[in-house]
Amino acid sequence: MDDNAVEEFFANANDARQPDPPYRVSQWADKNRYLSTVASAEPGLWRTKRTPYLREIMDNLSSYKPIETTIVMKGAQVGMSEAGLNFCGYAIHYSPGPALYVMPTVETAKKLSKTRLDPMIMASPALSERIAPARARDSGNTMFSKEFDGGALMLTGANSAAGLRSMPIRYLILDEVDAYPLSVDNEGDPV
């Protein structure tokens, strides 16, 4: 074995010991999130540069960040639900764990699943290879549950006390909170 081979071996071994650089939600989305023809007027690869104001918000959700809670006050139709879906994709692909996505009602959760989440999963190979198609027998993919190695993404409505109970979660996405009921089945605030 020549000296160059030994030096190269140790250089490569040292590189392998270094931790991976932090991977941000916006980076994940720019590389892995595809907008489908079903759910987008501009299908194709997601580009954070089209909505630069979402970059910091998405990146604050990244697993290496010490930030535990991100709250956004914003106007309607500015892309926050898409940022939330990007975070879900990132978690499924890069940092798996149990997640809960809460919409105002069970009906709006169903609509999100059918019109946005399922098309995102089908259009994005990084996700479709981790979540079986809903039509597959025992796939773990239903309207309100998307199972993957290392976790599951559950969807529910803030109007469903049962949907908000008894699930340990690592990630929580509360979308359209201004439309949540003040109390759920006389059990209190859904948040």
C-alpha atoms as a PDB file:
ATOM      1  CA  MET A   1       0.000   0.000   0.000  1.00  0.00           C
ATOM      2  CA  ASP A   2       1.510   3.334  -1.005  1.00  0.00           C
ATOM      3  CA  ASP A   3       1.630   6.435   1.187  1.00  0.00           C
ATOM      4  CA  ASN A   4      -1.004   8.250  -0.906  1.00  0.00           C
ATOM      5  CA  ALA A   5      -3.515   5.464  -0.351  1.00  0.00           C
ATOM      6  CA  VAL A   6      -2.925   5.557   3.408  1.00  0.00           C
ATOM      7  CA  GLU A   7      -3.319   9.352   3.496  1.00  0.00           C
ATOM      8  CA  GLU A   8      -6.495   9.146   1.416  1.00  0.00           C
ATOM      9  CA  PHE A   9      -7.897   6.433   3.688  1.00  0.00           C
ATOM     10  CA  PHE A  10      -7.369   8.530   6.831  1.00  0.00           C
ATOM     11  CA  ALA A  11      -8.693  11.689   5.153  1.00  0.00           C
ATOM     12  CA  ASN A  12     -11.877   9.850   4.146  1.00  0.00           C
ATOM     13  CA  ALA A  13     -12.217   8.269   7.602  1.00  0.00           C
ATOM     14  CA  ASN A  14     -11.921  11.706   9.217  1.00  0.00           C
ATOM     15  CA  ASP A  15     -14.578  13.126   6.859  1.00  0.00           C
ATOM     16  CA  ALA A  16     -16.915  10.244   7.738  1.00  0.00           C
ATOM     17  CA  ARG A  17     -16.687  11.087  11.451  1.00  0.00           C
ATOM     18  CA  GLN A  18     -17.915  14.642  10.926  1.00  0.00           C
ATOM     19  CA  PRO A  19     -21.620  15.172  11.633  1.00  0.00           C
ATOM     20  CA  ASP A  20     -23.876  15.937   8.722  1.00  0.00           C
ATOM     21  CA  PRO A  21     -24.339  19.669   8.228  1.00  0.00           C
ATOM     22  CA  PRO A  22     -27.684  21.040   9.419  1.00  0.00           C
ATOM     23  CA  TYR A  23     -30.402  20.350   6.862  1.00  0.00           C
ATOM     24  CA  ARG A  24     -33.132  22.964   6.730  1.00  0.00           C
ATOM     25  CA  VAL A  25     -36.795  22.558   5.786  1.00  0.00           C
ATOM     26  CA  SER A  26     -36.366  25.035   2.912  1.00  0.00           C
ATOM     27  CA  GLN A  27     -33.424  23.004   1.557  1.00  0.00           C
ATOM     28  CA  TRP A  28     -35.458  19.817   1.801  1.00  0.00           C
ATOM     29  CA  ALA A  29     -38.380  21.430  -0.029  1.00  0.00           C
ATOM     30  CA  ASP A  30     -36.190  22.903  -2.786  1.00  0.00           C
ATOM     31  CA  LYS A  31     -34.668  19.479  -3.425  1.00  0.00           C
ATOM     32  CA  ASN A  32     -37.535  17.037  -2.732  1.00  0.00           C
ATOM     33  CA  ARG A  33     -40.977  18.710  -2.788  1.00  0.00           C
ATOM     34  CA  TYR A  34     -42.876  18.535  -6.032  1.00  0.00           C
ATOM     35  CA  LEU A  35     -46.073  20.452  -6.654  1.00  0.00           C
ATOM     36  CA  SER A  36     -48.568  18.316  -8.538  1.00  0.00           C
ATOM     37  CA  THR A  37     -50.768  19.359 -11.432  1.00  0.00           C
ATOM     38  CA  VAL A  38     -53.740  18.526  -9.193  1.00  0.00           C
ATOM     39  CA  ALA A  39     -52.781  20.887  -6.374  1.00  0.00           C
ATOM     40  CA  SER A  40     -50.846  23.717  -8.004  1.00  0.00           C
ATOM     41  CA  ALA A  41     -51.126  26.309 -10.742  1.00  0.00           C
ATOM     42  CA  GLU A  42     -47.329  25.969 -11.139  1.00  0.00           C
ATOM     43  CA  PRO A  43     -46.519  22.241 -11.002  1.00  0.00           C
ATOM     44  CA  GLY A  44     -42.947  21.056 -10.637  1.00  0.00           C
ATOM     45  CA  LEU A  45     -40.187  21.350  -8.075  1.00  0.00           C
ATOM     46  CA  TRP A  46     -40.942  23.651  -5.140  1.00  0.00           C
ATOM     47  CA  ARG A  47     -38.894  26.858  -5.180  1.00  0.00           C
ATOM     48  CA  THR A  48     -38.593  28.751  -1.929  1.00  0.00           C
ATOM     49  CA  LYS A  49     -37.355  31.773  -3.881  1.00  0.00           C
ATOM     50  CA  ARG A  50     -40.961  32.195  -5.145  1.00  0.00           C
ATOM     51  CA  THR A  51     -42.055  32.784  -1.533  1.00  0.00           C
ATOM     52  CA  PRO A  52     -38.888  34.071   0.183  1.00  0.00           C
ATOM     53  CA  TYR A  53     -40.838  35.256   3.225  1.00  0.00           C
ATOM     54  CA  LEU A  54     -41.501  31.581   4.094  1.00  0.00           C
ATOM     55  CA  ARG A  55     -37.797  30.623   4.235  1.00  0.00           C
ATOM     56  CA  GLU A  56     -37.089  31.762   7.800  1.00  0.00           C
ATOM     57  CA  ILE A  57     -40.373  30.349   9.081  1.00  0.00           C
ATOM     58  CA  MET A  58     -39.706  26.949   7.485  1.00  0.00           C
ATOM     59  CA  ASP A  59     -36.077  26.905   8.602  1.00  0.00           C
ATOM     60  CA  ASN A  60     -37.098  27.619  12.204  1.00  0.00           C
ATOM     61  CA  LEU A  61     -38.984  24.299  12.049  1.00  0.00           C
ATOM     62  CA  SER A  62     -35.811  22.384  11.142  1.00  0.00           C
ATOM     63  CA  SER A  63     -34.849  19.613  13.562  1.00  0.00           C
ATOM     64  CA  TYR A  64     -31.445  21.075  14.460  1.00  0.00           C
ATOM     65  CA  LYS A  65     -32.932  24.422  15.534  1.00  0.00           C
ATOM     66  CA  PRO A  66     -33.493  24.913  19.286  1.00  0.00           C
ATOM     67  CA  ILE A  67     -36.810  26.665  18.559  1.00  0.00           C
ATOM     68  CA  GLU A  68     -39.724  24.645  19.952  1.00  0.00           C
ATOM     69  CA  THR A  69     -42.673  26.811  18.920  1.00  0.00           C
ATOM     70  CA  THR A  70     -43.228  28.946  15.848  1.00  0.00           C
ATOM     71  CA  ILE A  71     -46.337  31.119  15.700  1.00  0.00           C
ATOM     72  CA  VAL A  72     -47.253  33.043  12.559  1.00  0.00           C
ATOM     73  CA  MET A  73     -49.803  35.828  12.178  1.00  0.00           C
ATOM     74  CA  LYS A  74     -50.390  36.342   8.490  1.00  0.00           C
ATOM     75  CA  GLY A  75     -52.875  37.134   5.775  1.00  0.00           C
ATOM     76  CA  ALA A  76     -54.931  34.576   3.882  1.00  0.00           C
ATOM     77  CA  GLN A  77     -53.476  32.612   0.970  1.00  0.00           C
ATOM     78  CA  VAL A  78     -49.816  33.501   1.511  1.00  0.00           C
ATOM     79  CA  GLY A  79     -48.477  29.929   1.539  1.00  0.00           C
ATOM     80  CA  MET A  80     -48.356  28.979   5.218  1.00  0.00           C
ATOM     81  CA  SER A  81     -50.250  25.716   4.671  1.00  0.00           C
ATOM     82  CA  GLU A  82     -47.684  24.852   1.989  1.00  0.00           C
ATOM     83  CA  ALA A  83     -44.900  25.659   4.463  1.00  0.00           C
ATOM     84  CA  GLY A  84     -46.621  23.328   6.939  1.00  0.00           C
ATOM     85  CA  LEU A  85     -46.786  20.606   4.299  1.00  0.00           C
ATOM     86  CA  ASN A  86     -43.089  21.159   3.519  1.00  0.00           C
ATOM     87  CA  PHE A  87     -42.368  20.664   7.213  1.00  0.00           C
ATOM     88  CA  CYS A  88     -44.394  17.437   7.183  1.00  0.00           C
ATOM     89  CA  GLY A  89     -42.434  16.188   4.166  1.00  0.00           C
ATOM     90  CA  TYR A  90     -39.136  17.093   5.840  1.00  0.00           C
ATOM     91  CA  ALA A  91     -40.146  15.253   9.015  1.00  0.00           C
ATOM     92  CA  ILE A  92     -41.283  12.146   7.118  1.00  0.00           C
ATOM     93  CA  HIS A  93     -38.126  12.015   4.998  1.00  0.00           C
ATOM     94  CA  TYR A  94     -35.367  13.447   7.171  1.00  0.00           C
ATOM     95  CA  SER A  95     -36.433  13.458  10.833  1.00  0.00           C
ATOM     96  CA  PRO A  96     -39.269  10.942  11.337  1.00  0.00           C
ATOM     97  CA  GLY A  97     -41.534  10.943  14.343  1.00  0.00           C
ATOM     98  CA  PRO A  98     -45.223  10.997  15.222  1.00  0.00           C
ATOM     99  CA  ALA A  99     -46.967  14.138  13.950  1.00  0.00           C
ATOM    100  CA  LEU A 100     -50.423  15.655  14.220  1.00  0.00           C
ATOM    101  CA  TYR A 101     -51.822  18.129  11.677  1.00  0.00           C
ATOM    102  CA  VAL A 102     -54.926  19.915  12.971  1.00  0.00           C
ATOM    103  CA  MET A 103     -57.339  21.807  10.731  1.00  0.00           C
ATOM    104  CA  PRO A 104     -60.445  23.680  11.985  1.00  0.00           C
ATOM    105  CA  THR A 105     -62.825  20.774  11.283  1.00  0.00           C
ATOM    106  CA  VAL A 106     -62.654  17.109  10.377  1.00  0.00           C
ATOM    107  CA  GLU A 107     -64.069  18.086   6.965  1.00  0.00           C
ATOM    108  CA  THR A 108     -61.268  20.591   6.302  1.00  0.00           C
ATOM    109  CA  ALA A 109     -58.713  17.961   7.417  1.00  0.00           C
ATOM    110  CA  LYS A 110     -60.267  15.542   4.911  1.00  0.00           C
ATOM    111  CA  LYS A 111     -60.097  18.203   2.196  1.00  0.00           C
ATOM    112  CA  LEU A 112     -56.428  18.952   2.997  1.00  0.00           C
ATOM    113  CA  SER A 113     -55.617  15.250   2.825  1.00  0.00           C
ATOM    114  CA  LYS A 114     -57.355  14.709  -0.524  1.00  0.00           C
ATOM    115  CA  THR A 115     -56.455  17.901  -2.347  1.00  0.00           C
ATOM    116  CA  ARG A 116     -53.002  18.772  -1.026  1.00  0.00           C
ATOM    117  CA  LEU A 117     -51.281  16.134   1.106  1.00  0.00           C
ATOM    118  CA  ASP A 118     -51.999  13.073  -1.067  1.00  0.00           C
ATOM    119  CA  PRO A 119     -51.008  14.898  -4.295  1.00  0.00           C
ATOM    120  CA  MET A 120     -47.782  16.076  -2.587  1.00  0.00           C
ATOM    121  CA  ILE A 121     -46.943  12.512  -1.532  1.00  0.00           C
ATOM    122  CA  MET A 122     -47.658  11.086  -4.987  1.00  0.00           C
ATOM    123  CA  ALA A 123     -45.666  13.812  -6.796  1.00  0.00           C
ATOM    124  CA  SER A 124     -42.614  13.716  -4.492  1.00  0.00           C
ATOM    125  CA  PRO A 125     -40.477  10.549  -4.788  1.00  0.00           C
ATOM    126  CA  ALA A 126     -38.834  11.205  -1.395  1.00  0.00           C
ATOM    127  CA  LEU A 127     -42.299  10.769   0.142  1.00  0.00           C
ATOM    128  CA  SER A 128     -43.971   8.265  -2.181  1.00  0.00           C
ATOM    129  CA  GLU A 129     -41.201   5.752  -1.480  1.00  0.00           C
ATOM    130  CA  ARG A 130     -41.902   6.078   2.269  1.00  0.00           C
ATOM    131  CA  ILE A 131     -45.710   6.095   2.278  1.00  0.00           C
ATOM    132  CA  ALA A 132     -47.565   3.335   0.444  1.00  0.00           C
ATOM    133  CA  PRO A 133     -50.417   4.351  -1.874  1.00  0.00           C
ATOM    134  CA  ALA A 134     -53.811   4.514  -0.171  1.00  0.00           C
ATOM    135  CA  ARG A 135     -55.205   1.869  -2.489  1.00  0.00           C
ATOM    136  CA  ALA A 136     -52.595  -0.694  -1.393  1.00  0.00           C
ATOM    137  CA  ARG A 137     -53.976  -3.292   0.996  1.00  0.00           C
ATOM    138  CA  ASP A 138     -52.940  -2.581   4.599  1.00  0.00           C
ATOM    139  CA  SER A 139     -50.799   0.332   3.411  1.00  0.00           C
ATOM    140  CA  GLY A 140     -51.141   2.389   6.593  1.00  0.00           C
ATOM    141  CA  ASN A 141     -52.225   5.249   4.340  1.00  0.00           C
ATOM    142  CA  THR A 142     -55.772   6.423   4.987  1.00  0.00           C
ATOM    143  CA  MET A 143     -57.530   9.753   4.719  1.00  0.00           C
ATOM    144  CA  PHE A 144     -56.504  10.699   8.264  1.00  0.00           C
ATOM    145  CA  SER A 145     -53.319   8.666   8.801  1.00  0.00           C
ATOM    146  CA  LYS A 146     -50.092   8.455   6.792  1.00  0.00           C
ATOM    147  CA  GLU A 147     -47.751   5.830   8.269  1.00  0.00           C
ATOM    148  CA  PHE A 148     -44.030   5.725   7.499  1.00  0.00           C
ATOM    149  CA  ASP A 149     -40.909   4.196   9.054  1.00  0.00           C
ATOM    150  CA  GLY A 150     -40.316   5.977  12.329  1.00  0.00           C
ATOM    151  CA  GLY A 151     -43.737   7.554  12.749  1.00  0.00           C
ATOM    152  CA  ALA A 152     -47.111   8.540  11.403  1.00  0.00           C
ATOM    153  CA  LEU A 153     -48.774  11.764  10.331  1.00  0.00           C
ATOM    154  CA  MET A 154     -52.280  11.990  11.742  1.00  0.00           C
ATOM    155  CA  LEU A 155     -54.826  14.540  10.508  1.00  0.00           C
ATOM    156  CA  THR A 156     -57.840  15.692  12.474  1.00  0.00           C
ATOM    157  CA  GLY A 157     -60.139  18.614  13.067  1.00  0.00           C
ATOM    158  CA  ALA A 158     -60.060  20.956  16.050  1.00  0.00           C
ATOM    159  CA  ASN A 159     -63.768  20.163  16.408  1.00  0.00           C
ATOM    160  CA  SER A 160     -63.031  16.489  17.221  1.00  0.00           C
ATOM    161  CA  ALA A 161     -62.223  15.828  20.870  1.00  0.00           C
ATOM    162  CA  ALA A 162     -61.514  12.173  20.030  1.00  0.00           C
ATOM    163  CA  GLY A 163     -59.074  13.171  17.282  1.00  0.00           C
ATOM    164  CA  LEU A 164     -57.099  15.343  19.695  1.00  0.00           C
ATOM    165  CA  ARG A 165     -56.755  12.710  22.449  1.00  0.00           C
ATOM    166  CA  SER A 166     -54.326   9.994  23.405  1.00  0.00           C
ATOM    167  CA  MET A 167     -51.607  10.391  20.840  1.00  0.00           C
ATOM    168  CA  PRO A 168     -48.017  11.089  21.793  1.00  0.00           C
ATOM    169  CA  ILE A 169     -46.603  13.436  19.172  1.00  0.00           C
ATOM    170  CA  ARG A 170     -43.267  14.960  18.330  1.00  0.00           C
ATOM    171  CA  TYR A 171     -44.548  17.456  15.767  1.00  0.00           C
ATOM    172  CA  LEU A 172     -47.742  19.515  15.923  1.00  0.00           C
ATOM    173  CA  ILE A 173     -49.064  21.674  13.094  1.00  0.00           C
ATOM    174  CA  LEU A 174     -52.069  23.864  13.925  1.00  0.00           C
ATOM    175  CA  ASP A 175     -53.411  25.362  10.693  1.00  0.00           C
ATOM    176  CA  GLU A 176     -56.078  28.068  10.320  1.00  0.00           C
ATOM    177  CA  VAL A 177     -56.333  28.436  14.098  1.00  0.00           C
ATOM    178  CA  ASP A 178     -58.598  31.489  13.814  1.00  0.00           C
ATOM    179  CA  ALA A 179     -61.379  29.134  12.644  1.00  0.00           C
ATOM    180  CA  TYR A 180     -61.026  26.704  15.590  1.00  0.00           C
ATOM    181  CA  PRO A 181     -63.981  26.397  17.964  1.00  0.00           C
ATOM    182  CA  LEU A 182     -63.583  27.980  21.396  1.00  0.00           C
ATOM    183  CA  SER A 183     -64.485  24.685  23.063  1.00  0.00           C
ATOM    184  CA  VAL A 184     -64.610  21.105  21.788  1.00  0.00           C
ATOM    185  CA  ASP A 185     -67.530  19.020  23.054  1.00  0.00           C
ATOM    186  CA  ASN A 186     -67.546  21.086  26.269  1.00  0.00           C
ATOM    187  CA  GLU A 187     -64.037  19.791  27.038  1.00  0.00           C
ATOM    188  CA  GLY A 188     -62.201  23.075  26.537  1.00  0.00           C
ATOM    189  CA  ASP A 189     -59.973  24.871  24.065  1.00  0.00           C
ATOM    190  CA  PRO A 190     -58.620  22.560  21.333  1.00  0.00           C
ATOM    191  CA  VAL A 191     -55.225  24.255  21.514  1.00  0.00           C
END
